[in-house]
Amino acid sequence: MDLASDLADIVGERLSCSSAELYCYSCDASQVRGRPEYVVRPKDRDEVSRIMALAFEKRVPVTPRGAGTGLAGGAVPLKGGIVLDLSSMDRILEIDCSCRQVLVEPGVVRDRLNLALLPSGLFFPPDPGSSAMCSIGGLLANNGSGMHCVKYGTTRDYALDLEIVLADGSVIHTGSQVLKSSAGYDLTRLFIGSEGTLGVITAARLSVVPLPKARRLVLAAFRSPEEAGLAVNRVLSAGIVPAACEILDRTTVEVLHRCDPHLALPTADLILFEADGEPTAVLDEAARIEEVCLQSAISIDTASEAAEMEEVWAARRLVGAAVSRLDPKKTRIYVGEDVGVPVGMMHVLIRRVQEISEDAGIPAMKYGHIGDGNLHVALFVDLSDEAEVERAKLAAHRIHLAALDLGGTVSAEHGVGRARSSYMRLQWGGALDVMRAIKRALDPRGILNPGKLDLGSGTDCDTADAGAGL
């Protein structure tokens, strides 16, 4: 029997080999491309286990995939083989209010989980811009975070236990229902951020927290993004920990105004601070933020009505898609766009990015989670202009190097995938060899998401990749 027949025996009609459908799985939101031979949609852990055992036996590459919203080629099948589409495994298996825990399958969409938690007065804090689409499995695989991680932390801070199918089809659990344990290695944290290179997440037990009773938004406008960054340093140094702290540079605000001329945002370099918690504490924290920002801000506005705040946050989530409004002939390219540095170095990073953008003659929007040191840089180019594309790639390279030079990372939340794999040695040095040793131990035949994170080690699937980059 051929592989297609073997796969059909496991999943039936949930196997696809049609050219049109395979093409749909050849990319994510990045410029990385690769074509699978098979798309398989398992419905439960047992099917995933059988698929992995078959792939291990046949030495066939397997690329796990969630919602496909990734920005670094992490779910792109560079070596062909099987795309394991986990989006159909989307059940919320348990909501335990007394222990503040949920048990979910990997295909559960983040916003859907919070909608289900709403009647219980609980929520799952990580909130990327793609929260209406991204899956919990993808958030775990990349340690995604989003706008409220200044106070609430990243996805790894909420993972108690993962059910993992290993490369050979065997199943393990990495944790338990307890909030703390000192028994053995922390395998849960090992798999979080591994981008499907060590195993396939088939279920996750997550902690959740109470919804805040009150929220207040402070919008501080500055003359330059560098001044905005310095103001954030002063706020954090004053012992204030906002729930969210976002930067929108002037170019970003102009783009948002083109999308919605009625949007209540001043045309300036903005910091959005959100305070949440008990009502009196929120008022006090917002007042303290205003007091600190008054030293350099050109204007400060506040909002406490839910509808008004949601309008601003909805605009913030729109940024990634709105960039084309600046010049419809140009396309945003996802390179150099997820760097992170120590928070105290953000104003330096902003200045360097501005210099790099000007040197390259490539316009850039600068926005992101400034409160935790994560800057998103939106470079946009005319893809038919080869010289401009090359300048943008060089600019992205310089942005990555600037982040590393400042003690930072080439990816703060979007993942490495293929798009940033060439920087792994620069960032990690000898630690990359430890990662490769772990990869060999858990995936000796190299079938799990090969070609990602620079983990290649001469195993069966470590061949030339199918098309990375622009």
Protein backbone atom coordinates (compact mmCIF):
# COMPACT_ATOMS: atom_id res chain seq x y z
CA MET A 1 0.00 0.00 0.00
CA ASP A 2 1.23 3.58 -0.67
CA LEU A 3 1.37 6.27 1.99
CA ALA A 4 -1.88 7.92 0.87
CA SER A 5 -3.74 4.65 1.39
CA ASP A 6 -2.15 4.18 4.79
CA LEU A 7 -3.14 7.69 5.84
CA ALA A 8 -6.67 7.21 4.50
CA ASP A 9 -6.97 4.11 6.66
CA ILE A 10 -6.41 6.37 9.68
CA VAL A 11 -8.41 9.51 8.82
CA GLY A 12 -10.62 8.53 5.90
CA GLU A 13 -11.87 11.50 3.89
CA ARG A 14 -9.94 13.90 6.11
CA LEU A 15 -6.93 13.30 3.89
CA SER A 16 -6.31 15.59 0.92
CA CYS A 17 -3.83 15.33 -1.95
CA SER A 18 -5.47 17.78 -4.34
CA SER A 19 -3.15 20.36 -5.88
CA ALA A 20 -5.41 23.26 -4.98
CA GLU A 21 -5.60 22.29 -1.33
CA LEU A 22 -1.92 21.50 -1.06
CA TYR A 23 -1.20 24.98 -2.38
CA CYS A 24 -3.28 26.48 0.43
CA TYR A 25 -0.93 24.83 2.94
CA SER A 26 2.26 25.97 1.22
CA CYS A 27 2.62 29.20 3.21
CA ASP A 28 1.70 31.17 6.28
CA ALA A 29 1.71 34.98 6.59
CA SER A 30 5.48 35.15 5.93
CA GLN A 31 7.37 35.00 2.65
CA VAL A 32 8.48 31.39 3.32
CA ARG A 33 7.13 28.77 0.90
CA GLY A 34 7.09 24.96 0.77
CA ARG A 35 4.68 22.40 -0.69
CA PRO A 36 3.38 19.28 1.10
CA GLU A 37 2.37 16.00 -0.54
CA TYR A 38 -0.44 15.29 1.92
CA VAL A 39 -2.72 17.25 4.23
CA VAL A 40 -4.18 15.26 7.10
CA ARG A 41 -6.83 16.49 9.57
CA PRO A 42 -6.87 14.25 12.64
CA LYS A 43 -9.81 14.40 15.02
CA ASP A 44 -8.12 13.16 18.20
CA ARG A 45 -4.86 12.18 19.89
CA ASP A 46 -5.07 8.55 18.83
CA GLU A 47 -5.18 9.50 15.16
CA VAL A 48 -2.21 11.84 15.65
CA SER A 49 -0.31 9.02 17.34
CA ARG A 50 -1.03 6.61 14.48
CA ILE A 51 -0.04 9.20 11.86
CA MET A 52 3.24 9.92 13.64
CA ALA A 53 4.03 6.22 14.04
CA LEU A 54 3.45 5.73 10.31
CA ALA A 55 5.54 8.77 9.37
CA PHE A 56 8.34 7.60 11.69
CA GLU A 57 8.32 4.14 10.11
CA LYS A 58 8.31 5.57 6.56
CA ARG A 59 10.71 8.44 7.38
CA VAL A 60 8.25 11.04 6.09
CA PRO A 61 8.45 14.70 7.24
CA VAL A 62 5.52 15.98 9.32
CA THR A 63 4.74 19.68 9.78
CA PRO A 64 2.19 20.44 12.53
CA ARG A 65 -0.09 23.36 11.71
CA GLY A 66 -2.75 25.29 13.60
CA ALA A 67 -4.55 28.32 12.18
CA GLY A 68 -1.73 29.25 9.79
CA THR A 69 -1.38 32.78 11.18
CA GLY A 70 2.37 32.45 11.81
CA LEU A 71 4.80 35.10 10.58
CA ALA A 72 8.07 33.16 10.34
CA GLY A 73 7.34 30.10 8.18
CA GLY A 74 7.04 27.86 11.22
CA ALA A 75 4.11 25.85 9.81
CA VAL A 76 5.38 25.77 6.21
CA PRO A 77 6.38 22.26 5.00
CA LEU A 78 9.88 22.98 3.72
CA LYS A 79 10.68 19.31 3.14
CA GLY A 80 7.29 18.32 1.72
CA GLY A 81 5.68 15.28 3.33
CA ILE A 82 2.63 15.61 5.58
CA VAL A 83 0.98 18.75 6.93
CA LEU A 84 -0.80 17.79 10.14
CA ASP A 85 -3.72 20.23 10.35
CA LEU A 86 -4.81 20.27 14.00
CA SER A 87 -7.53 22.92 13.62
CA SER A 88 -10.31 20.30 13.83
CA MET A 89 -9.16 19.28 17.32
CA ASP A 90 -10.95 22.24 18.84
CA ARG A 91 -12.81 21.00 21.89
CA ILE A 92 -12.79 22.74 25.26
CA LEU A 93 -12.65 19.59 27.35
CA GLU A 94 -12.93 21.05 30.84
CA ILE A 95 -13.40 24.34 32.68
CA ASP A 96 -12.50 23.97 36.36
CA CYS A 97 -13.45 27.23 38.08
CA SER A 98 -12.39 26.13 41.57
CA CYS A 99 -8.83 25.37 40.42
CA ARG A 100 -8.85 28.10 37.75
CA GLN A 101 -7.82 25.67 35.03
CA VAL A 102 -9.00 24.64 31.59
CA LEU A 103 -8.22 21.61 29.48
CA VAL A 104 -8.31 22.27 25.75
CA GLU A 105 -7.34 20.71 22.44
CA PRO A 106 -4.77 22.56 20.30
CA GLY A 107 -7.24 23.85 17.69
CA VAL A 108 -9.24 25.97 20.14
CA VAL A 109 -9.11 29.61 19.03
CA ARG A 110 -7.92 31.99 21.72
CA ASP A 111 -10.93 34.35 21.62
CA ARG A 112 -13.36 31.43 21.65
CA LEU A 113 -11.77 30.16 24.85
CA ASN A 114 -12.21 33.53 26.52
CA LEU A 115 -15.80 33.73 25.37
CA ALA A 116 -16.45 30.37 27.03
CA LEU A 117 -14.73 31.58 30.21
CA LEU A 118 -16.65 34.87 30.40
CA PRO A 119 -19.63 33.56 32.45
CA SER A 120 -17.16 32.26 35.04
CA GLY A 121 -15.45 35.63 35.42
CA LEU A 122 -12.12 34.18 34.24
CA PHE A 123 -9.88 34.73 31.24
CA PHE A 124 -6.74 33.50 29.49
CA PRO A 125 -4.52 36.61 29.27
CA PRO A 126 -2.14 36.11 26.27
CA ASP A 127 -3.70 38.20 23.48
CA PRO A 128 -1.80 38.53 20.19
CA GLY A 129 -3.16 40.69 17.42
CA SER A 130 -4.47 37.53 15.75
CA SER A 131 -6.45 36.47 18.84
CA ALA A 132 -9.65 36.10 16.81
CA MET A 133 -7.94 33.49 14.61
CA CYS A 134 -4.88 31.99 16.30
CA SER A 135 -5.08 28.62 18.04
CA ILE A 136 -3.93 27.68 21.52
CA GLY A 137 -1.60 25.07 20.00
CA GLY A 138 0.10 27.74 17.91
CA LEU A 139 0.42 30.05 20.90
CA LEU A 140 2.09 27.27 22.87
CA ALA A 141 4.35 26.20 20.01
CA ASN A 142 5.69 29.75 19.65
CA ASN A 143 5.25 31.01 23.22
CA GLY A 144 3.02 33.75 21.85
CA SER A 145 2.00 36.64 24.04
CA GLY A 146 0.55 39.95 22.86
CA MET A 147 -0.49 43.23 24.37
CA HIS A 148 -1.06 42.40 28.03
CA CYS A 149 2.07 40.43 28.86
CA VAL A 150 3.69 43.35 30.73
CA LYS A 151 1.56 42.44 33.74
CA TYR A 152 0.26 38.99 32.86
CA GLY A 153 3.21 37.28 31.21
CA THR A 154 3.42 35.04 28.14
CA THR A 155 1.75 31.76 27.20
CA ARG A 156 4.40 29.67 28.97
CA ASP A 157 3.33 31.24 32.28
CA TYR A 158 -0.09 29.56 31.99
CA ALA A 159 0.84 26.05 30.84
CA LEU A 160 0.53 23.41 33.55
CA ASP A 161 0.59 20.24 31.46
CA LEU A 162 0.88 19.32 27.79
CA GLU A 163 -0.14 16.08 26.16
CA ILE A 164 2.51 15.41 23.52
CA VAL A 165 2.73 12.88 20.72
CA LEU A 166 6.41 12.24 20.06
CA ALA A 167 8.04 11.55 16.69
CA ASP A 168 7.57 7.77 16.98
CA GLY A 169 3.89 8.07 17.93
CA SER A 170 4.30 7.53 21.67
CA VAL A 171 2.35 9.80 24.03
CA ILE A 172 3.61 11.60 27.13
CA HIS A 173 2.40 14.20 29.60
CA THR A 174 4.85 16.95 30.57
CA GLY A 175 3.23 18.19 33.79
CA SER A 176 0.17 17.80 35.99
CA GLN A 177 -2.73 19.72 37.53
CA VAL A 178 -0.64 21.14 40.37
CA LEU A 179 0.58 24.72 40.34
CA LYS A 180 4.13 23.80 41.33
CA SER A 181 6.37 20.77 41.25
CA SER A 182 10.08 20.15 41.77
CA ALA A 183 9.98 16.58 40.46
CA GLY A 184 12.28 16.22 37.48
CA TYR A 185 12.93 18.30 34.38
CA ASP A 186 10.48 21.00 33.34
CA LEU A 187 9.41 19.33 30.11
CA THR A 188 6.43 21.63 29.68
CA ARG A 189 8.72 24.62 29.16
CA LEU A 190 10.92 22.56 26.84
CA PHE A 191 8.08 21.98 24.39
CA ILE A 192 6.70 25.52 24.60
CA GLY A 193 8.46 27.54 21.90
CA SER A 194 9.83 24.43 20.16
CA GLU A 195 7.61 25.13 17.13
CA GLY A 196 6.62 21.52 16.54
CA THR A 197 10.21 20.30 16.17
CA LEU A 198 10.11 18.03 19.24
CA GLY A 199 6.53 16.75 19.38
CA VAL A 200 2.89 17.45 18.57
CA ILE A 201 0.69 19.10 21.21
CA THR A 202 -2.66 17.30 21.36
CA ALA A 203 -4.03 18.79 24.60
CA ALA A 204 -3.07 21.48 27.08
CA ARG A 205 -4.01 22.19 30.67
CA LEU A 206 -3.82 25.92 31.26
CA SER A 207 -4.27 28.15 34.26
CA VAL A 208 -6.65 31.09 33.91
CA VAL A 209 -7.14 34.19 36.06
CA PRO A 210 -10.03 36.40 37.25
CA LEU A 211 -11.17 39.20 34.99
CA PRO A 212 -10.20 42.63 36.35
CA LYS A 213 -13.06 44.62 37.85
CA ALA A 214 -12.02 47.89 36.23
CA ARG A 215 -9.83 49.16 33.39
CA ARG A 216 -8.58 52.56 32.34
CA LEU A 217 -6.61 53.61 29.26
CA VAL A 218 -4.07 56.43 29.23
CA LEU A 219 -3.00 57.77 25.80
CA ALA A 220 0.19 59.80 25.98
CA ALA A 221 1.44 61.63 22.86
CA PHE A 222 5.10 62.56 22.32
CA ARG A 223 7.22 64.49 19.81
CA SER A 224 9.28 61.45 18.81
CA PRO A 225 9.18 57.68 19.33
CA GLU A 226 12.47 57.93 21.20
CA GLU A 227 10.93 60.33 23.73
CA ALA A 228 8.01 57.93 24.04
CA GLY A 229 10.42 55.10 24.83
CA LEU A 230 12.15 57.15 27.52
CA ALA A 231 8.77 57.93 29.10
CA VAL A 232 8.03 54.21 29.34
CA ASN A 233 11.35 53.74 31.14
CA ARG A 234 10.34 56.38 33.67
CA VAL A 235 6.92 54.82 34.25
CA LEU A 236 8.35 51.36 34.85
CA SER A 237 11.16 52.75 37.00
CA ALA A 238 8.53 54.39 39.20
CA GLY A 239 7.32 50.92 40.15
CA ILE A 240 4.21 51.05 37.97
CA VAL A 241 3.31 47.82 36.16
CA PRO A 242 0.57 48.57 33.62
CA ALA A 243 -1.52 45.74 32.24
CA ALA A 244 -0.52 46.82 28.73
CA CYS A 245 2.00 49.31 27.36
CA GLU A 246 1.99 49.76 23.56
CA ILE A 247 3.78 52.10 21.18
CA LEU A 248 2.26 53.41 17.95
CA ASP A 249 4.62 55.68 16.06
CA ARG A 250 3.34 58.64 14.02
CA THR A 251 3.43 56.69 10.74
CA THR A 252 1.33 53.92 12.30
CA VAL A 253 -1.23 56.42 13.56
CA GLU A 254 -1.44 58.04 10.11
CA VAL A 255 -2.12 54.63 8.58
CA LEU A 256 -4.88 53.94 11.11
CA HIS A 257 -6.47 57.31 10.36
CA ARG A 258 -6.60 56.36 6.67
CA CYS A 259 -8.52 53.24 7.68
CA ASP A 260 -10.85 55.17 9.99
CA PRO A 261 -10.75 59.01 9.80
CA HIS A 262 -12.95 59.20 12.92
CA LEU A 263 -10.55 57.24 15.10
CA ALA A 264 -9.90 59.21 18.30
CA LEU A 265 -6.10 59.08 18.25
CA PRO A 266 -3.87 62.18 18.08
CA THR A 267 -1.41 62.24 15.17
CA ALA A 268 1.79 61.81 17.16
CA ASP A 269 4.04 59.13 18.56
CA LEU A 270 1.78 57.45 21.10
CA ILE A 271 2.06 55.20 24.12
CA LEU A 272 -1.08 53.36 25.20
CA PHE A 273 -1.01 52.45 28.90
CA GLU A 274 -3.76 50.29 30.34
CA ALA A 275 -4.32 49.96 34.08
CA ASP A 276 -6.59 47.24 35.41
CA GLY A 277 -7.64 45.76 38.75
CA GLU A 278 -9.73 47.09 41.64
CA PRO A 279 -11.48 50.37 40.74
CA THR A 280 -9.70 52.60 43.25
CA ALA A 281 -6.31 51.07 42.46
CA VAL A 282 -6.90 51.60 38.73
CA LEU A 283 -7.67 55.29 39.23
CA ASP A 284 -4.53 55.69 41.33
CA GLU A 285 -2.32 53.87 38.83
CA ALA A 286 -3.66 55.85 35.87
CA ALA A 287 -3.04 59.10 37.77
CA ARG A 288 0.53 58.05 38.53
CA ILE A 289 1.15 57.21 34.85
CA GLU A 290 -0.17 60.63 33.83
CA GLU A 291 2.03 62.35 36.41
CA VAL A 292 5.18 60.64 35.11
CA CYS A 293 4.34 61.22 31.43
CA LEU A 294 3.61 64.92 31.95
CA GLN A 295 7.37 65.48 32.10
CA SER A 296 7.65 65.06 28.32
CA ALA A 297 4.24 64.35 26.76
CA ILE A 298 2.64 66.91 24.48
CA SER A 299 -0.83 65.66 25.38
CA ILE A 300 -2.49 63.03 27.59
CA ASP A 301 -5.99 61.61 27.25
CA THR A 302 -7.79 58.94 29.26
CA ALA A 303 -10.63 56.54 28.57
CA SER A 304 -12.59 54.35 30.97
CA GLU A 305 -15.68 53.43 28.97
CA ALA A 306 -15.49 49.90 27.58
CA ALA A 307 -16.64 50.90 24.09
CA GLU A 308 -14.11 53.71 23.83
CA MET A 309 -11.24 51.50 24.98
CA GLU A 310 -12.25 48.68 22.68
CA GLU A 311 -12.22 51.05 19.71
CA VAL A 312 -8.59 51.91 20.45
CA TRP A 313 -7.53 48.30 21.02
CA ALA A 314 -9.37 47.18 17.89
CA ALA A 315 -7.38 49.78 15.94
CA ARG A 316 -4.17 48.50 17.52
CA ARG A 317 -4.98 44.94 16.38
CA LEU A 318 -5.61 46.26 12.87
CA VAL A 319 -2.11 47.67 12.46
CA GLY A 320 -0.53 44.63 10.79
CA ALA A 321 -3.17 44.55 8.06
CA ALA A 322 -3.53 48.32 7.69
CA VAL A 323 -0.04 49.07 6.42
CA SER A 324 -1.05 48.83 2.75
CA ARG A 325 -3.10 52.02 3.17
CA LEU A 326 0.15 54.00 3.25
CA ASP A 327 0.93 52.99 -0.33
CA PRO A 328 -1.39 50.46 -2.04
CA LYS A 329 1.37 49.62 -4.56
CA LYS A 330 3.57 48.25 -1.80
CA THR A 331 3.39 45.09 0.29
CA ARG A 332 4.39 44.51 3.86
CA ILE A 333 7.10 41.88 4.20
CA TYR A 334 7.51 40.02 7.47
CA VAL A 335 11.25 40.37 7.99
CA GLY A 336 13.03 42.10 10.87
CA GLU A 337 9.64 42.57 12.48
CA ASP A 338 9.69 40.89 15.90
CA VAL A 339 12.85 41.91 17.70
CA GLY A 340 13.11 42.27 21.45
CA VAL A 341 15.58 44.02 23.76
CA PRO A 342 15.80 44.79 27.48
CA VAL A 343 13.09 47.34 28.21
CA GLY A 344 15.63 49.99 29.19
CA MET A 345 17.16 49.73 25.70
CA MET A 346 13.94 50.24 23.74
CA HIS A 347 14.55 53.92 23.05
CA VAL A 348 17.99 53.01 21.65
CA LEU A 349 16.50 50.28 19.45
CA ILE A 350 13.84 52.68 18.16
CA ARG A 351 16.52 55.20 17.20
CA ARG A 352 18.59 52.53 15.42
CA VAL A 353 15.58 51.22 13.52
CA GLN A 354 14.77 54.75 12.37
CA GLU A 355 18.36 55.22 11.16
CA ILE A 356 18.31 51.87 9.34
CA SER A 357 15.00 52.72 7.67
CA GLU A 358 16.31 56.10 6.49
CA ASP A 359 19.59 54.61 5.22
CA ALA A 360 17.71 51.99 3.20
CA GLY A 361 15.10 54.40 1.89
CA ILE A 362 12.45 51.94 3.07
CA PRO A 363 9.53 53.36 5.08
CA ALA A 364 8.82 51.54 8.32
CA MET A 365 6.01 51.54 10.84
CA LYS A 366 7.18 51.00 14.42
CA TYR A 367 4.69 49.63 16.91
CA GLY A 368 4.38 46.89 19.49
CA HIS A 369 4.74 45.85 23.08
CA ILE A 370 7.20 48.45 24.29
CA GLY A 371 6.46 47.65 27.94
CA ASP A 372 8.15 44.26 27.64
CA GLY A 373 10.81 45.28 25.10
CA ASN A 374 9.16 43.87 21.97
CA LEU A 375 9.16 46.10 18.86
CA HIS A 376 7.35 45.25 15.63
CA VAL A 377 8.80 46.88 12.52
CA ALA A 378 6.65 46.91 9.39
CA LEU A 379 8.79 47.28 6.27
CA PHE A 380 6.84 47.62 3.03
CA VAL A 381 8.18 47.46 -0.51
CA ASP A 382 7.24 47.15 -4.15
CA LEU A 383 7.82 43.42 -4.70
CA SER A 384 8.39 44.03 -8.43
CA ASP A 385 11.36 46.28 -7.60
CA GLU A 386 14.23 43.84 -6.98
CA ALA A 387 16.59 46.55 -5.77
CA GLU A 388 14.06 47.75 -3.20
CA VAL A 389 13.45 44.20 -2.01
CA GLU A 390 17.19 43.68 -1.52
CA ARG A 391 17.45 46.94 0.43
CA ALA A 392 14.61 45.79 2.66
CA LYS A 393 16.29 42.44 3.31
CA LEU A 394 19.51 44.22 4.24
CA ALA A 395 17.57 46.59 6.51
CA ALA A 396 15.94 43.61 8.23
CA HIS A 397 19.35 42.01 8.72
CA ARG A 398 20.65 45.19 10.34
CA ILE A 399 17.59 45.35 12.62
CA HIS A 400 18.25 41.79 13.81
CA LEU A 401 21.90 42.59 14.46
CA ALA A 402 20.95 45.76 16.33
CA ALA A 403 18.67 43.77 18.64
CA LEU A 404 21.38 41.22 19.37
CA ASP A 405 23.93 43.98 19.94
CA LEU A 406 21.63 45.47 22.60
CA GLY A 407 21.38 42.15 24.43
CA GLY A 408 18.10 41.14 22.82
CA THR A 409 16.51 38.51 20.60
CA VAL A 410 15.58 38.17 16.93
CA SER A 411 12.12 36.92 17.91
CA ALA A 412 10.21 37.96 21.01
CA GLU A 413 6.89 36.23 20.27
CA HIS A 414 6.38 35.24 16.62
CA GLY A 415 8.89 32.40 16.54
CA VAL A 416 12.00 31.59 14.54
CA GLY A 417 10.64 29.15 11.97
CA ARG A 418 12.67 29.37 8.78
CA ALA A 419 12.63 33.15 8.40
CA ARG A 420 15.01 33.75 11.31
CA SER A 421 16.80 30.42 11.61
CA SER A 422 20.09 31.83 10.29
CA TYR A 423 20.39 33.96 13.46
CA MET A 424 20.16 31.07 15.93
CA ARG A 425 23.93 30.57 16.15
CA LEU A 426 24.52 34.30 16.55
CA GLN A 427 22.01 34.54 19.38
CA TRP A 428 22.73 31.28 21.17
CA GLY A 429 26.31 30.30 20.39
CA GLY A 430 27.11 26.91 21.94
CA ALA A 431 23.61 26.60 23.40
CA LEU A 432 22.40 25.83 19.87
CA ASP A 433 24.40 22.59 20.02
CA VAL A 434 22.47 21.64 23.18
CA MET A 435 19.20 22.32 21.34
CA ARG A 436 20.37 20.14 18.45
CA ALA A 437 21.24 17.33 20.86
CA ILE A 438 17.74 17.50 22.37
CA LYS A 439 16.28 17.44 18.86
CA ARG A 440 18.28 14.32 17.96
CA ALA A 441 17.23 12.58 21.18
CA LEU A 442 13.50 13.20 20.71
CA ASP A 443 13.38 13.06 16.91
CA PRO A 444 16.23 10.76 15.81
CA ARG A 445 14.94 10.51 12.24
CA GLY A 446 14.46 14.26 11.88
CA ILE A 447 10.87 14.06 10.68
CA LEU A 448 9.26 16.72 12.89
CA ASN A 449 9.03 20.10 11.18
CA PRO A 450 12.47 19.81 9.56
CA GLY A 451 14.30 22.89 8.32
CA LYS A 452 13.27 25.12 11.22
CA LEU A 453 15.26 26.82 14.01
CA ASP A 454 18.60 25.76 12.43
CA LEU A 455 18.30 22.36 14.14
CA GLY A 456 19.47 20.31 11.13
CA SER A 457 21.95 17.59 12.04
CA GLY A 458 22.29 15.28 9.07
CA THR A 459 19.15 13.28 9.88
CA ASP A 460 16.85 11.76 7.28
CA CYS A 461 14.90 14.94 6.43
CA ASP A 462 17.85 17.33 6.57
CA THR A 463 17.99 18.10 2.86
CA ALA A 464 17.75 21.29 0.82
CA ASP A 465 14.63 23.22 1.74
CA ALA A 466 11.89 24.02 -0.68
CA GLY A 467 12.01 27.78 -0.74
CA ALA A 468 12.66 30.13 2.14
CA GLY A 469 12.79 33.88 2.29
CA LEU A 470 11.48 36.36 -0.26
